Amino acid sequence: VHYMGHLLGNTLTTADTGTLSLDHDFYSRWVLTGTGAVTLQADNWVDGDTGHVVVDTSKQTISIPAAWITGGADIVSTPGIYVLELVKVN
């Protein structure tokens, strides 16, 4: 059973690079498998939404918008596989 909207448990696995839309109307988890530069962009998130991005920083260079709070996470200096938790708070 799949539920549309902001209570999704659906995962998108993508090799896309460039600007990646994290569209919360369709997914709540994104697994990045490509190589190269990726800029994350949040679309259709509302207060309280959570999501997860799985990224391998030894293969991908991730750009996170400056307005996003990272909690001091440094995913660039130590390459590896990370699960980033995103939460919309507004």
Protein backbone atom coordinates (compact mmCIF):
# COMPACT_ATOMS: atom_id res chain seq x y z
CA VAL A 1 0.00 0.00 0.00
CA HIS A 2 1.37 3.43 -0.94
CA TYR A 3 0.09 6.66 0.55
CA MET A 4 0.54 9.91 -1.33
CA GLY A 5 1.37 13.07 0.52
CA HIS A 6 3.70 13.87 3.34
CA LEU A 7 3.54 10.59 5.29
CA LEU A 8 5.34 8.59 2.62
CA GLY A 9 7.82 5.83 3.20
CA ASN A 10 8.85 5.66 -0.46
CA THR A 11 12.50 5.64 -1.56
CA LEU A 12 13.95 7.05 -4.77
CA THR A 13 17.29 5.61 -5.86
CA THR A 14 18.88 7.91 -8.40
CA ALA A 15 22.15 8.34 -10.27
CA ASP A 16 21.18 11.92 -11.20
CA THR A 17 23.72 14.68 -10.70
CA GLY A 18 23.33 18.44 -10.94
CA THR A 19 20.37 19.83 -9.01
CA LEU A 20 18.35 17.11 -7.32
CA SER A 21 14.81 17.92 -6.22
CA LEU A 22 13.93 16.28 -2.92
CA ASP A 23 10.21 16.39 -3.64
CA HIS A 24 8.43 15.37 -0.44
CA ASP A 25 5.13 14.93 -2.31
CA PHE A 26 6.54 11.69 -3.73
CA TYR A 27 9.38 10.42 -1.52
CA SER A 28 10.85 10.67 1.96
CA ARG A 29 14.13 8.83 1.25
CA TRP A 30 16.67 9.41 -1.49
CA VAL A 31 19.64 7.16 -2.24
CA LEU A 32 22.26 8.86 -4.42
CA THR A 33 24.27 6.39 -6.52
CA GLY A 34 25.81 8.59 -9.21
CA THR A 35 29.21 10.24 -9.38
CA GLY A 36 29.85 13.96 -9.57
CA ALA A 37 28.42 17.14 -8.11
CA VAL A 38 24.91 17.19 -6.64
CA THR A 39 23.04 20.22 -5.29
CA LEU A 40 20.12 19.35 -3.02
CA GLN A 41 16.87 21.31 -3.32
CA ALA A 42 13.85 20.75 -1.04
CA ASP A 43 10.45 20.93 -2.73
CA ASN A 44 6.98 20.57 -1.18
CA TRP A 45 8.14 20.23 2.41
CA VAL A 46 5.89 21.42 5.24
CA ASP A 47 6.57 21.97 8.93
CA GLY A 48 7.36 18.65 10.60
CA ASP A 49 8.32 16.71 7.47
CA THR A 50 11.38 14.47 7.76
CA GLY A 51 13.45 12.78 5.09
CA HIS A 52 16.71 10.91 4.65
CA VAL A 53 19.40 11.20 1.99
CA VAL A 54 21.98 8.41 1.61
CA VAL A 55 25.15 9.72 -0.01
CA ASP A 56 28.66 8.37 -0.66
CA THR A 57 30.92 11.42 -0.44
CA SER A 58 33.84 9.47 -1.92
CA LYS A 59 31.85 9.46 -5.20
CA GLN A 60 29.70 12.59 -4.93
CA THR A 61 30.31 16.19 -4.00
CA ILE A 62 27.19 17.43 -2.20
CA SER A 63 26.13 21.06 -2.04
CA ILE A 64 23.66 21.86 0.71
CA PRO A 65 21.90 25.26 0.66
CA ALA A 66 23.36 27.71 3.18
CA ALA A 67 19.89 28.20 4.75
CA TRP A 68 19.86 24.55 5.86
CA ILE A 69 21.19 23.94 9.36
CA THR A 70 23.75 21.14 9.30
CA GLY A 71 24.38 20.79 13.02
CA GLY A 72 28.12 20.96 12.39
CA ALA A 73 28.22 17.82 10.26
CA ASP A 74 31.35 17.70 8.08
CA ILE A 75 30.67 15.25 5.27
CA VAL A 76 33.43 16.64 3.05
CA SER A 77 36.61 16.17 5.10
CA THR A 78 35.99 12.48 5.82
CA PRO A 79 34.71 10.72 2.67
CA GLY A 80 32.32 7.87 3.24
CA ILE A 81 28.70 6.79 3.21
CA TYR A 82 26.38 9.06 5.19
CA VAL A 83 22.68 9.09 5.99
CA LEU A 84 21.59 12.71 6.26
CA GLU A 85 18.38 13.34 8.17
CA LEU A 86 16.45 16.38 6.97
CA VAL A 87 13.70 17.97 9.04
CA LYS A 88 11.56 20.94 8.02
CA VAL A 89 11.09 23.26 10.99
CA ASN A 90 9.29 26.52 10.39
